[in-house]
Amino acid sequence: MNRVLVTGAAGFIGSHLVEALLSRGDEVVGLDSFDPLYPRADKEANLRESRANPRFRFIEADILATDAVAAELHPETIVVHLAAKAGVRPSIQDPVGYARANVSGTASVADAMRRARATRLVFGSSSSVYGNSTPVPFREDAPALEPVSPYAATKRAGELLLLALAPLWGLKVAALRYFTVFGPRQRPDLAIHAFARRMLRGETLPLFGDGSQARDYTYVSDIVAGTLAAVDWTATAPVGVEPYNLGGNRPVLLRDMVDALSAALEIEPSVEWLPMQPGDVQCTYADLTKSQAALGFWPRVGFGEGIERFVEWCNVRYARQH
């Protein structure tokens, strides 16, 4: 049985991961500060099932409270650090807040591990680190030095910070570059969830660009499987940082995503086309060669199936009757 600390445990990915860790018999400490990006009640609901498990304990704290984080660690604890300010567009309005949470917060988690002599870390990074200048499909050995949003810059900064600290403190780090995760409990500000709510309310969809932007959508259960594999990888990993792509391996055009979602919801949306937003990348596409070899990762849920599963959850979440 592993003892795992999950930061951001009440969030979309974090809550699914906590349930998976508990299901396989691990002991889990969840930590979350309930950042107000979306309602606390939604995050509390995410934790409802896990709170009933005697192997789960929850701590409400900010990751910048280094002493509080360190108090939950011992040398054998594995840390999965998912807590962060998320979202490209909000980061443009609040670069200081994003740097504080995502860079200083990561430094705080690493420092807490140093104090406790813990060495195994899985860091939730992002495909946004590749920017627009990296050739597709994105490979982990790309320089990734031209982010196009403050959010992307803070995620790459977190990776680089850990790259500097790992050899100094003996850290064994898997930096997981998540590609557009979707599924039940998805953050309400993300496109699929936001568009679904607008369609259900009969509202117009604001679509930015010309519909040719593409995202490598990845279903949440695949992300959780890859993250669990990374947790286990740290047991025998060398000191240092290894980046791994976790993606769906298939870019989907914006207009095709909207078509798939509207078909699953059985709603024909009204669309308003708007200029491309600053900070958005044109295409994301994961090369999974390295992740498959090291973690045995390969996505199992296709985009169409994932949309159907998401819509099933959505219909229950918003009490929609057919």
C-alpha atoms as a PDB file:
ATOM      1  CA  MET A   1       0.000   0.000   0.000  1.00  0.00           C
ATOM      2  CA  ASN A   2       1.346   3.397  -1.028  1.00  0.00           C
ATOM      3  CA  ARG A   3       0.783   6.592   0.926  1.00  0.00           C
ATOM      4  CA  VAL A   4       0.023   9.342  -1.557  1.00  0.00           C
ATOM      5  CA  LEU A   5      -0.523  13.071  -1.058  1.00  0.00           C
ATOM      6  CA  VAL A   6      -2.617  14.582  -3.848  1.00  0.00           C
ATOM      7  CA  THR A   7      -2.660  18.383  -4.099  1.00  0.00           C
ATOM      8  CA  GLY A   8      -5.680  19.788  -5.915  1.00  0.00           C
ATOM      9  CA  ALA A   9      -7.607  16.739  -4.723  1.00  0.00           C
ATOM     10  CA  ALA A  10     -11.039  18.367  -5.023  1.00  0.00           C
ATOM     11  CA  GLY A  11     -10.557  19.347  -8.655  1.00  0.00           C
ATOM     12  CA  PHE A  12     -11.571  17.613 -11.853  1.00  0.00           C
ATOM     13  CA  ILE A  13      -8.542  15.379 -12.395  1.00  0.00           C
ATOM     14  CA  GLY A  14      -7.556  15.257  -8.730  1.00  0.00           C
ATOM     15  CA  SER A  15     -10.868  13.860  -7.495  1.00  0.00           C
ATOM     16  CA  HIS A  16     -10.895  11.117 -10.150  1.00  0.00           C
ATOM     17  CA  LEU A  17      -7.296  10.244  -9.281  1.00  0.00           C
ATOM     18  CA  VAL A  18      -8.051  10.051  -5.550  1.00  0.00           C
ATOM     19  CA  GLU A  19     -10.869   7.571  -6.238  1.00  0.00           C
ATOM     20  CA  ALA A  20      -8.575   5.448  -8.425  1.00  0.00           C
ATOM     21  CA  LEU A  21      -5.802   5.404  -5.807  1.00  0.00           C
ATOM     22  CA  LEU A  22      -8.281   4.363  -3.115  1.00  0.00           C
ATOM     23  CA  SER A  23      -9.752   1.687  -5.396  1.00  0.00           C
ATOM     24  CA  ARG A  24      -6.378   0.028  -5.750  1.00  0.00           C
ATOM     25  CA  GLY A  25      -5.788   0.056  -1.994  1.00  0.00           C
ATOM     26  CA  ASP A  26      -3.570   3.102  -1.453  1.00  0.00           C
ATOM     27  CA  GLU A  27      -3.815   5.454   1.512  1.00  0.00           C
ATOM     28  CA  VAL A  28      -4.508   9.002   0.313  1.00  0.00           C
ATOM     29  CA  VAL A  29      -4.235  12.442   1.841  1.00  0.00           C
ATOM     30  CA  GLY A  30      -6.055  15.022  -0.262  1.00  0.00           C
ATOM     31  CA  LEU A  31      -5.135  18.694  -0.063  1.00  0.00           C
ATOM     32  CA  ASP A  32      -7.054  21.560  -1.648  1.00  0.00           C
ATOM     33  CA  SER A  33      -7.576  25.266  -0.977  1.00  0.00           C
ATOM     34  CA  PHE A  34     -10.878  25.518  -2.906  1.00  0.00           C
ATOM     35  CA  ASP A  35      -9.686  28.178  -5.328  1.00  0.00           C
ATOM     36  CA  PRO A  36     -12.753  30.227  -6.341  1.00  0.00           C
ATOM     37  CA  LEU A  37     -12.408  29.662 -10.111  1.00  0.00           C
ATOM     38  CA  TYR A  38     -15.647  27.698  -9.827  1.00  0.00           C
ATOM     39  CA  PRO A  39     -18.077  26.974  -6.972  1.00  0.00           C
ATOM     40  CA  ARG A  40     -16.840  25.251  -3.827  1.00  0.00           C
ATOM     41  CA  ALA A  41     -20.020  23.152  -3.769  1.00  0.00           C
ATOM     42  CA  ASP A  42     -18.971  21.490  -7.044  1.00  0.00           C
ATOM     43  CA  LYS A  43     -15.580  20.582  -5.600  1.00  0.00           C
ATOM     44  CA  GLU A  44     -17.137  19.298  -2.372  1.00  0.00           C
ATOM     45  CA  ALA A  45     -19.375  17.081  -4.497  1.00  0.00           C
ATOM     46  CA  ASN A  46     -16.298  15.753  -6.296  1.00  0.00           C
ATOM     47  CA  LEU A  47     -14.961  14.450  -2.959  1.00  0.00           C
ATOM     48  CA  ARG A  48     -18.192  12.963  -1.622  1.00  0.00           C
ATOM     49  CA  GLU A  49     -17.401   9.352  -2.502  1.00  0.00           C
ATOM     50  CA  SER A  50     -13.793   9.523  -1.320  1.00  0.00           C
ATOM     51  CA  ARG A  51     -14.694  11.065   2.035  1.00  0.00           C
ATOM     52  CA  ALA A  52     -16.595   7.874   2.886  1.00  0.00           C
ATOM     53  CA  ASN A  53     -13.403   5.813   2.537  1.00  0.00           C
ATOM     54  CA  PRO A  54     -11.429   5.256   5.786  1.00  0.00           C
ATOM     55  CA  ARG A  55      -8.141   5.360   3.834  1.00  0.00           C
ATOM     56  CA  PHE A  56      -8.799   8.954   2.767  1.00  0.00           C
ATOM     57  CA  ARG A  57      -8.090  12.060   4.802  1.00  0.00           C
ATOM     58  CA  PHE A  58      -8.673  15.605   3.592  1.00  0.00           C
ATOM     59  CA  ILE A  59      -6.728  18.748   4.500  1.00  0.00           C
ATOM     60  CA  GLU A  60      -7.942  22.204   3.483  1.00  0.00           C
ATOM     61  CA  ALA A  61      -4.767  24.222   2.945  1.00  0.00           C
ATOM     62  CA  ASP A  62      -2.876  26.325   0.426  1.00  0.00           C
ATOM     63  CA  ILE A  63       0.164  24.697  -1.150  1.00  0.00           C
ATOM     64  CA  LEU A  64       2.106  27.842  -0.259  1.00  0.00           C
ATOM     65  CA  ALA A  65       1.701  26.880   3.411  1.00  0.00           C
ATOM     66  CA  THR A  66       4.901  24.835   3.255  1.00  0.00           C
ATOM     67  CA  ASP A  67       4.761  23.786   6.919  1.00  0.00           C
ATOM     68  CA  ALA A  68       1.234  22.401   6.500  1.00  0.00           C
ATOM     69  CA  VAL A  69       2.254  20.408   3.418  1.00  0.00           C
ATOM     70  CA  ALA A  70       5.432  19.115   5.064  1.00  0.00           C
ATOM     71  CA  ALA A  71       3.451  17.955   8.107  1.00  0.00           C
ATOM     72  CA  GLU A  72       1.574  15.496   5.867  1.00  0.00           C
ATOM     73  CA  LEU A  73       4.720  13.931   4.430  1.00  0.00           C
ATOM     74  CA  HIS A  74       7.229  11.315   5.458  1.00  0.00           C
ATOM     75  CA  PRO A  75      10.134   9.854   3.432  1.00  0.00           C
ATOM     76  CA  GLU A  76       7.968   7.196   1.751  1.00  0.00           C
ATOM     77  CA  THR A  77       5.115   9.524   0.743  1.00  0.00           C
ATOM     78  CA  ILE A  78       4.499   9.906  -2.983  1.00  0.00           C
ATOM     79  CA  VAL A  79       3.324  13.387  -3.969  1.00  0.00           C
ATOM     80  CA  VAL A  80       1.032  14.005  -6.938  1.00  0.00           C
ATOM     81  CA  HIS A  81       1.040  17.768  -7.376  1.00  0.00           C
ATOM     82  CA  LEU A  82      -2.012  18.850  -9.366  1.00  0.00           C
ATOM     83  CA  ALA A  83      -2.965  22.038  -7.510  1.00  0.00           C
ATOM     84  CA  ALA A  84      -2.679  25.068  -9.785  1.00  0.00           C
ATOM     85  CA  LYS A  85      -4.470  28.051 -11.173  1.00  0.00           C
ATOM     86  CA  ALA A  86      -5.803  26.754 -14.462  1.00  0.00           C
ATOM     87  CA  GLY A  87      -6.935  28.363 -17.695  1.00  0.00           C
ATOM     88  CA  VAL A  88      -5.251  30.321 -20.459  1.00  0.00           C
ATOM     89  CA  ARG A  89      -7.523  33.352 -20.681  1.00  0.00           C
ATOM     90  CA  PRO A  90      -7.776  34.097 -16.936  1.00  0.00           C
ATOM     91  CA  SER A  91      -3.979  33.933 -16.719  1.00  0.00           C
ATOM     92  CA  ILE A  92      -3.696  36.905 -19.089  1.00  0.00           C
ATOM     93  CA  GLN A  93      -5.721  38.979 -16.613  1.00  0.00           C
ATOM     94  CA  ASP A  94      -3.883  37.703 -13.525  1.00  0.00           C
ATOM     95  CA  PRO A  95      -0.265  36.775 -14.328  1.00  0.00           C
ATOM     96  CA  VAL A  96       0.878  37.547 -10.767  1.00  0.00           C
ATOM     97  CA  GLY A  97      -1.692  35.214  -9.227  1.00  0.00           C
ATOM     98  CA  TYR A  98      -0.785  32.467 -11.684  1.00  0.00           C
ATOM     99  CA  ALA A  99       2.939  32.833 -11.018  1.00  0.00           C
ATOM    100  CA  ARG A 100       2.292  32.731  -7.277  1.00  0.00           C
ATOM    101  CA  ALA A 101       0.139  29.596  -7.370  1.00  0.00           C
ATOM    102  CA  ASN A 102       1.867  27.671 -10.135  1.00  0.00           C
ATOM    103  CA  VAL A 103       5.547  28.559  -9.703  1.00  0.00           C
ATOM    104  CA  SER A 104       5.890  29.568  -6.058  1.00  0.00           C
ATOM    105  CA  GLY A 105       3.353  26.863  -5.174  1.00  0.00           C
ATOM    106  CA  THR A 106       5.437  24.211  -6.892  1.00  0.00           C
ATOM    107  CA  ALA A 107       8.541  25.484  -5.110  1.00  0.00           C
ATOM    108  CA  SER A 108       6.668  25.212  -1.809  1.00  0.00           C
ATOM    109  CA  VAL A 109       5.618  21.610  -2.473  1.00  0.00           C
ATOM    110  CA  ALA A 110       9.178  20.677  -3.433  1.00  0.00           C
ATOM    111  CA  ASP A 111      10.536  22.385  -0.311  1.00  0.00           C
ATOM    112  CA  ALA A 112       8.050  20.501   1.868  1.00  0.00           C
ATOM    113  CA  MET A 113       9.316  17.273   0.289  1.00  0.00           C
ATOM    114  CA  ARG A 114      12.909  18.277   1.047  1.00  0.00           C
ATOM    115  CA  ARG A 115      12.035  18.859   4.694  1.00  0.00           C
ATOM    116  CA  ALA A 116      10.343  15.470   4.947  1.00  0.00           C
ATOM    117  CA  ARG A 117      13.022  13.694   2.849  1.00  0.00           C
ATOM    118  CA  ALA A 118      10.336  12.560   0.393  1.00  0.00           C
ATOM    119  CA  THR A 119      11.637  12.038  -3.136  1.00  0.00           C
ATOM    120  CA  ARG A 120       8.838  10.687  -5.383  1.00  0.00           C
ATOM    121  CA  LEU A 121       6.877  13.370  -7.235  1.00  0.00           C
ATOM    122  CA  VAL A 122       4.360  13.386 -10.088  1.00  0.00           C
ATOM    123  CA  PHE A 123       3.862  16.928 -11.383  1.00  0.00           C
ATOM    124  CA  GLY A 124       0.782  17.900 -13.368  1.00  0.00           C
ATOM    125  CA  SER A 125       2.082  19.961 -16.281  1.00  0.00           C
ATOM    126  CA  SER A 126       0.329  20.867 -19.533  1.00  0.00           C
ATOM    127  CA  SER A 127       0.513  20.501 -23.296  1.00  0.00           C
ATOM    128  CA  SER A 128       0.371  24.301 -23.403  1.00  0.00           C
ATOM    129  CA  VAL A 129       4.133  24.384 -22.716  1.00  0.00           C
ATOM    130  CA  TYR A 130       4.720  23.544 -26.407  1.00  0.00           C
ATOM    131  CA  GLY A 131       3.210  26.784 -27.702  1.00  0.00           C
ATOM    132  CA  ASN A 132       2.758  27.395 -31.428  1.00  0.00           C
ATOM    133  CA  SER A 133       6.372  26.940 -32.529  1.00  0.00           C
ATOM    134  CA  THR A 134       6.745  23.216 -31.742  1.00  0.00           C
ATOM    135  CA  PRO A 135       6.226  20.876 -34.725  1.00  0.00           C
ATOM    136  CA  VAL A 136       3.323  18.435 -34.410  1.00  0.00           C
ATOM    137  CA  PRO A 137       3.016  15.832 -33.095  1.00  0.00           C
ATOM    138  CA  PHE A 138       4.634  17.285 -29.949  1.00  0.00           C
ATOM    139  CA  ARG A 139       7.624  15.340 -28.652  1.00  0.00           C
ATOM    140  CA  GLU A 140       8.920  15.691 -25.105  1.00  0.00           C
ATOM    141  CA  ASP A 141      12.430  16.562 -26.320  1.00  0.00           C
ATOM    142  CA  ALA A 142      11.170  19.742 -28.039  1.00  0.00           C
ATOM    143  CA  PRO A 143      12.705  22.870 -26.457  1.00  0.00           C
ATOM    144  CA  ALA A 144       9.256  24.241 -25.436  1.00  0.00           C
ATOM    145  CA  LEU A 145      10.641  27.702 -24.782  1.00  0.00           C
ATOM    146  CA  GLU A 146       8.028  29.873 -26.524  1.00  0.00           C
ATOM    147  CA  PRO A 147       4.815  29.730 -24.449  1.00  0.00           C
ATOM    148  CA  VAL A 148       1.991  31.944 -25.693  1.00  0.00           C
ATOM    149  CA  SER A 149       0.167  32.547 -22.388  1.00  0.00           C
ATOM    150  CA  PRO A 150       1.136  33.231 -18.767  1.00  0.00           C
ATOM    151  CA  TYR A 151      -0.482  29.910 -17.808  1.00  0.00           C
ATOM    152  CA  ALA A 152       1.751  28.022 -20.230  1.00  0.00           C
ATOM    153  CA  ALA A 153       4.794  29.934 -19.003  1.00  0.00           C
ATOM    154  CA  THR A 154       4.070  29.045 -15.377  1.00  0.00           C
ATOM    155  CA  LYS A 155       3.736  25.355 -16.199  1.00  0.00           C
ATOM    156  CA  ARG A 156       7.033  25.343 -18.092  1.00  0.00           C
ATOM    157  CA  ALA A 157       8.610  27.344 -15.255  1.00  0.00           C
ATOM    158  CA  GLY A 158       7.414  24.684 -12.813  1.00  0.00           C
ATOM    159  CA  GLU A 159       9.107  21.996 -14.894  1.00  0.00           C
ATOM    160  CA  LEU A 160      12.355  23.981 -15.079  1.00  0.00           C
ATOM    161  CA  LEU A 161      12.289  24.698 -11.356  1.00  0.00           C
ATOM    162  CA  LEU A 162      11.994  20.987 -10.616  1.00  0.00           C
ATOM    163  CA  LEU A 163      14.743  20.277 -13.138  1.00  0.00           C
ATOM    164  CA  ALA A 164      17.049  22.493 -11.058  1.00  0.00           C
ATOM    165  CA  LEU A 165      15.929  21.136  -7.675  1.00  0.00           C
ATOM    166  CA  ALA A 166      15.814  17.408  -8.483  1.00  0.00           C
ATOM    167  CA  PRO A 167      19.578  16.745  -8.421  1.00  0.00           C
ATOM    168  CA  LEU A 168      20.003  18.982  -5.367  1.00  0.00           C
ATOM    169  CA  TRP A 169      17.351  17.243  -3.272  1.00  0.00           C
ATOM    170  CA  GLY A 170      17.275  13.762  -4.813  1.00  0.00           C
ATOM    171  CA  LEU A 171      13.832  14.165  -6.378  1.00  0.00           C
ATOM    172  CA  LYS A 172      12.489  11.613  -8.862  1.00  0.00           C
ATOM    173  CA  VAL A 173       9.943  13.511 -10.943  1.00  0.00           C
ATOM    174  CA  ALA A 174       7.500  12.580 -13.691  1.00  0.00           C
ATOM    175  CA  ALA A 175       6.265  15.812 -15.322  1.00  0.00           C
ATOM    176  CA  LEU A 176       3.006  14.864 -17.015  1.00  0.00           C
ATOM    177  CA  ARG A 177       1.986  17.080 -19.896  1.00  0.00           C
ATOM    178  CA  TYR A 178      -1.776  16.668 -19.959  1.00  0.00           C
ATOM    179  CA  PHE A 179      -3.572  17.297 -23.249  1.00  0.00           C
ATOM    180  CA  THR A 180      -7.082  18.881 -22.982  1.00  0.00           C
ATOM    181  CA  VAL A 181      -8.735  16.585 -20.470  1.00  0.00           C
ATOM    182  CA  PHE A 182     -12.511  16.095 -20.585  1.00  0.00           C
ATOM    183  CA  GLY A 183     -15.151  13.918 -18.982  1.00  0.00           C
ATOM    184  CA  PRO A 184     -17.494  13.973 -15.969  1.00  0.00           C
ATOM    185  CA  ARG A 185     -16.714  16.787 -13.480  1.00  0.00           C
ATOM    186  CA  GLN A 186     -14.779  18.745 -16.100  1.00  0.00           C
ATOM    187  CA  ARG A 187     -14.173  22.333 -15.018  1.00  0.00           C
ATOM    188  CA  PRO A 188     -17.197  24.408 -16.064  1.00  0.00           C
ATOM    189  CA  ASP A 189     -15.024  27.002 -17.822  1.00  0.00           C
ATOM    190  CA  LEU A 190     -13.525  24.499 -20.267  1.00  0.00           C
ATOM    191  CA  ALA A 191     -14.970  24.419 -23.769  1.00  0.00           C
ATOM    192  CA  ILE A 192     -16.851  21.101 -23.834  1.00  0.00           C
ATOM    193  CA  HIS A 193     -18.556  21.711 -20.493  1.00  0.00           C
ATOM    194  CA  ALA A 194     -19.207  25.402 -21.158  1.00  0.00           C
ATOM    195  CA  PHE A 195     -20.634  24.665 -24.613  1.00  0.00           C
ATOM    196  CA  ALA A 196     -22.845  21.873 -23.262  1.00  0.00           C
ATOM    197  CA  ARG A 197     -24.342  24.182 -20.635  1.00  0.00           C
ATOM    198  CA  ARG A 198     -24.981  26.873 -23.233  1.00  0.00           C
ATOM    199  CA  MET A 199     -26.693  24.393 -25.547  1.00  0.00           C
ATOM    200  CA  LEU A 200     -28.873  23.093 -22.711  1.00  0.00           C
ATOM    201  CA  ARG A 201     -29.931  26.659 -21.921  1.00  0.00           C
ATOM    202  CA  GLY A 202     -30.541  27.506 -25.573  1.00  0.00           C
ATOM    203  CA  GLU A 203     -27.757  30.092 -25.643  1.00  0.00           C
ATOM    204  CA  THR A 204     -25.502  31.029 -28.545  1.00  0.00           C
ATOM    205  CA  LEU A 205     -22.036  29.465 -28.649  1.00  0.00           C
ATOM    206  CA  PRO A 206     -19.175  31.965 -29.013  1.00  0.00           C
ATOM    207  CA  LEU A 207     -16.569  30.234 -31.211  1.00  0.00           C
ATOM    208  CA  PHE A 208     -13.204  31.920 -31.629  1.00  0.00           C
ATOM    209  CA  GLY A 209     -11.198  31.677 -34.852  1.00  0.00           C
ATOM    210  CA  ASP A 210     -12.445  29.847 -37.931  1.00  0.00           C
ATOM    211  CA  GLY A 211     -13.080  26.397 -36.444  1.00  0.00           C
ATOM    212  CA  SER A 212      -9.817  24.941 -37.744  1.00  0.00           C
ATOM    213  CA  GLN A 213      -8.070  25.009 -34.365  1.00  0.00           C
ATOM    214  CA  ALA A 214      -7.505  21.464 -33.123  1.00  0.00           C
ATOM    215  CA  ARG A 215      -7.108  19.923 -29.673  1.00  0.00           C
ATOM    216  CA  ASP A 216      -5.866  16.502 -28.667  1.00  0.00           C
ATOM    217  CA  TYR A 217      -8.779  15.743 -26.329  1.00  0.00           C
ATOM    218  CA  THR A 218      -8.044  13.115 -23.684  1.00  0.00           C
ATOM    219  CA  TYR A 219     -10.686  11.343 -21.630  1.00  0.00           C
ATOM    220  CA  VAL A 220     -10.207  11.636 -17.890  1.00  0.00           C
ATOM    221  CA  SER A 221      -9.982   7.887 -17.215  1.00  0.00           C
ATOM    222  CA  ASP A 222      -7.023   7.680 -19.597  1.00  0.00           C
ATOM    223  CA  ILE A 223      -5.344  10.595 -17.816  1.00  0.00           C
ATOM    224  CA  VAL A 224      -5.876   8.847 -14.481  1.00  0.00           C
ATOM    225  CA  ALA A 225      -4.429   5.593 -15.829  1.00  0.00           C
ATOM    226  CA  GLY A 226      -1.340   7.429 -17.084  1.00  0.00           C
ATOM    227  CA  THR A 227      -0.959   9.255 -13.780  1.00  0.00           C
ATOM    228  CA  LEU A 228      -1.176   5.992 -11.804  1.00  0.00           C
ATOM    229  CA  ALA A 229       1.501   4.531 -14.082  1.00  0.00           C
ATOM    230  CA  ALA A 230       3.692   7.574 -13.367  1.00  0.00           C
ATOM    231  CA  VAL A 231       3.183   7.121  -9.607  1.00  0.00           C
ATOM    232  CA  ASP A 232       4.474   3.569  -9.933  1.00  0.00           C
ATOM    233  CA  TRP A 233       7.301   4.644 -12.269  1.00  0.00           C
ATOM    234  CA  THR A 234       8.770   6.871  -9.549  1.00  0.00           C
ATOM    235  CA  ALA A 235       9.522   3.795  -7.418  1.00  0.00           C
ATOM    236  CA  THR A 236      12.497   2.851  -9.585  1.00  0.00           C
ATOM    237  CA  ALA A 237      13.146   6.109 -11.443  1.00  0.00           C
ATOM    238  CA  PRO A 238      16.534   7.808 -11.345  1.00  0.00           C
ATOM    239  CA  VAL A 239      16.944  11.218  -9.766  1.00  0.00           C
ATOM    240  CA  GLY A 240      15.855  13.920 -12.211  1.00  0.00           C
ATOM    241  CA  VAL A 241      12.817  15.064 -14.193  1.00  0.00           C
ATOM    242  CA  GLU A 242      11.260  13.153 -17.074  1.00  0.00           C
ATOM    243  CA  PRO A 243       8.459  14.804 -19.074  1.00  0.00           C
ATOM    244  CA  TYR A 244       5.728  12.553 -20.453  1.00  0.00           C
ATOM    245  CA  ASN A 245       2.882  13.385 -22.820  1.00  0.00           C
ATOM    246  CA  LEU A 246      -0.543  12.074 -21.820  1.00  0.00           C
ATOM    247  CA  GLY A 247      -2.847  12.720 -24.764  1.00  0.00           C
ATOM    248  CA  GLY A 248      -5.565  11.240 -26.916  1.00  0.00           C
ATOM    249  CA  ASN A 249      -3.227  10.941 -29.933  1.00  0.00           C
ATOM    250  CA  ARG A 250      -5.813  12.451 -32.250  1.00  0.00           C
ATOM    251  CA  PRO A 251      -6.369  16.182 -32.800  1.00  0.00           C
ATOM    252  CA  VAL A 252     -10.037  17.130 -33.195  1.00  0.00           C
ATOM    253  CA  LEU A 253     -11.047  20.317 -35.012  1.00  0.00           C
ATOM    254  CA  LEU A 254     -13.090  22.834 -33.014  1.00  0.00           C
ATOM    255  CA  ARG A 255     -15.989  22.639 -35.450  1.00  0.00           C
ATOM    256  CA  ASP A 256     -15.941  18.815 -35.280  1.00  0.00           C
ATOM    257  CA  MET A 257     -15.972  18.928 -31.478  1.00  0.00           C
ATOM    258  CA  VAL A 258     -19.055  21.161 -31.561  1.00  0.00           C
ATOM    259  CA  ASP A 259     -20.749  18.853 -34.077  1.00  0.00           C
ATOM    260  CA  ALA A 260     -20.057  15.776 -31.929  1.00  0.00           C
ATOM    261  CA  LEU A 261     -21.302  17.471 -28.769  1.00  0.00           C
ATOM    262  CA  SER A 262     -24.466  18.807 -30.417  1.00  0.00           C
ATOM    263  CA  ALA A 263     -25.221  15.362 -31.903  1.00  0.00           C
ATOM    264  CA  ALA A 264     -24.821  13.667 -28.502  1.00  0.00           C
ATOM    265  CA  LEU A 265     -27.015  16.290 -26.824  1.00  0.00           C
ATOM    266  CA  GLU A 266     -29.476  16.223 -29.731  1.00  0.00           C
ATOM    267  CA  ILE A 267     -29.439  20.020 -29.822  1.00  0.00           C
ATOM    268  CA  GLU A 268     -28.680  22.180 -32.849  1.00  0.00           C
ATOM    269  CA  PRO A 269     -26.709  25.146 -31.501  1.00  0.00           C
ATOM    270  CA  SER A 270     -26.684  28.758 -32.595  1.00  0.00           C
ATOM    271  CA  VAL A 271     -23.085  29.837 -33.234  1.00  0.00           C
ATOM    272  CA  GLU A 272     -21.403  33.242 -33.202  1.00  0.00           C
ATOM    273  CA  TRP A 273     -17.951  33.331 -34.803  1.00  0.00           C
ATOM    274  CA  LEU A 274     -15.488  35.678 -33.127  1.00  0.00           C
ATOM    275  CA  PRO A 275     -11.818  36.605 -33.682  1.00  0.00           C
ATOM    276  CA  MET A 276      -9.113  34.250 -32.409  1.00  0.00           C
ATOM    277  CA  GLN A 277      -8.339  34.846 -28.743  1.00  0.00           C
ATOM    278  CA  PRO A 278      -4.848  35.815 -27.542  1.00  0.00           C
ATOM    279  CA  GLY A 279      -3.032  32.999 -25.799  1.00  0.00           C
ATOM    280  CA  ASP A 280      -4.698  30.204 -27.779  1.00  0.00           C
ATOM    281  CA  VAL A 281      -2.590  27.752 -29.759  1.00  0.00           C
ATOM    282  CA  GLN A 282      -3.622  26.532 -33.193  1.00  0.00           C
ATOM    283  CA  CYS A 283      -3.131  22.806 -32.618  1.00  0.00           C
ATOM    284  CA  THR A 284      -2.124  20.320 -29.926  1.00  0.00           C
ATOM    285  CA  TYR A 285      -1.137  16.756 -30.775  1.00  0.00           C
ATOM    286  CA  ALA A 286       0.711  14.339 -28.500  1.00  0.00           C
ATOM    287  CA  ASP A 287       3.476  12.045 -29.659  1.00  0.00           C
ATOM    288  CA  LEU A 288       3.063   9.108 -27.257  1.00  0.00           C
ATOM    289  CA  THR A 289       6.153   7.103 -28.190  1.00  0.00           C
ATOM    290  CA  LYS A 290       7.987   7.881 -24.954  1.00  0.00           C
ATOM    291  CA  SER A 291       4.939   7.553 -22.677  1.00  0.00           C
ATOM    292  CA  GLN A 292       3.984   4.230 -24.200  1.00  0.00           C
ATOM    293  CA  ALA A 293       7.505   2.837 -23.780  1.00  0.00           C
ATOM    294  CA  ALA A 294       8.084   4.048 -20.199  1.00  0.00           C
ATOM    295  CA  LEU A 295       4.578   4.068 -18.718  1.00  0.00           C
ATOM    296  CA  GLY A 296       2.689   1.655 -20.935  1.00  0.00           C
ATOM    297  CA  PHE A 297       0.331   4.532 -21.691  1.00  0.00           C
ATOM    298  CA  TRP A 298      -2.108   4.464 -24.564  1.00  0.00           C
ATOM    299  CA  PRO A 299      -5.567   6.080 -24.647  1.00  0.00           C
ATOM    300  CA  ARG A 300      -8.431   3.597 -24.505  1.00  0.00           C
ATOM    301  CA  VAL A 301     -11.444   5.920 -24.754  1.00  0.00           C
ATOM    302  CA  GLY A 302     -11.941   7.502 -28.172  1.00  0.00           C
ATOM    303  CA  PHE A 303     -13.241  11.029 -28.552  1.00  0.00           C
ATOM    304  CA  GLY A 304     -16.723   9.988 -29.671  1.00  0.00           C
ATOM    305  CA  GLU A 305     -17.154   7.538 -26.815  1.00  0.00           C
ATOM    306  CA  GLY A 306     -15.833  10.112 -24.368  1.00  0.00           C
ATOM    307  CA  ILE A 307     -18.362  12.692 -25.558  1.00  0.00           C
ATOM    308  CA  GLU A 308     -21.190  10.176 -25.109  1.00  0.00           C
ATOM    309  CA  ARG A 309     -20.028   9.450 -21.549  1.00  0.00           C
ATOM    310  CA  PHE A 310     -19.716  13.146 -20.776  1.00  0.00           C
ATOM    311  CA  VAL A 311     -23.213  13.872 -22.076  1.00  0.00           C
ATOM    312  CA  GLU A 312     -24.639  11.049 -19.927  1.00  0.00           C
ATOM    313  CA  TRP A 313     -23.096  12.727 -16.875  1.00  0.00           C
ATOM    314  CA  CYS A 314     -24.245  16.145 -18.066  1.00  0.00           C
ATOM    315  CA  ASN A 315     -27.845  15.001 -18.381  1.00  0.00           C
ATOM    316  CA  VAL A 316     -27.793  13.803 -14.773  1.00  0.00           C
ATOM    317  CA  ARG A 317     -25.825  16.803 -13.483  1.00  0.00           C
ATOM    318  CA  TYR A 318     -28.282  19.258 -14.991  1.00  0.00           C
ATOM    319  CA  ALA A 319     -31.352  17.034 -14.434  1.00  0.00           C
ATOM    320  CA  ARG A 320     -32.180  16.909 -18.105  1.00  0.00           C
ATOM    321  CA  GLN A 321     -35.086  14.688 -19.120  1.00  0.00           C
ATOM    322  CA  HIS A 322     -35.328  13.081 -22.545  1.00  0.00           C
END
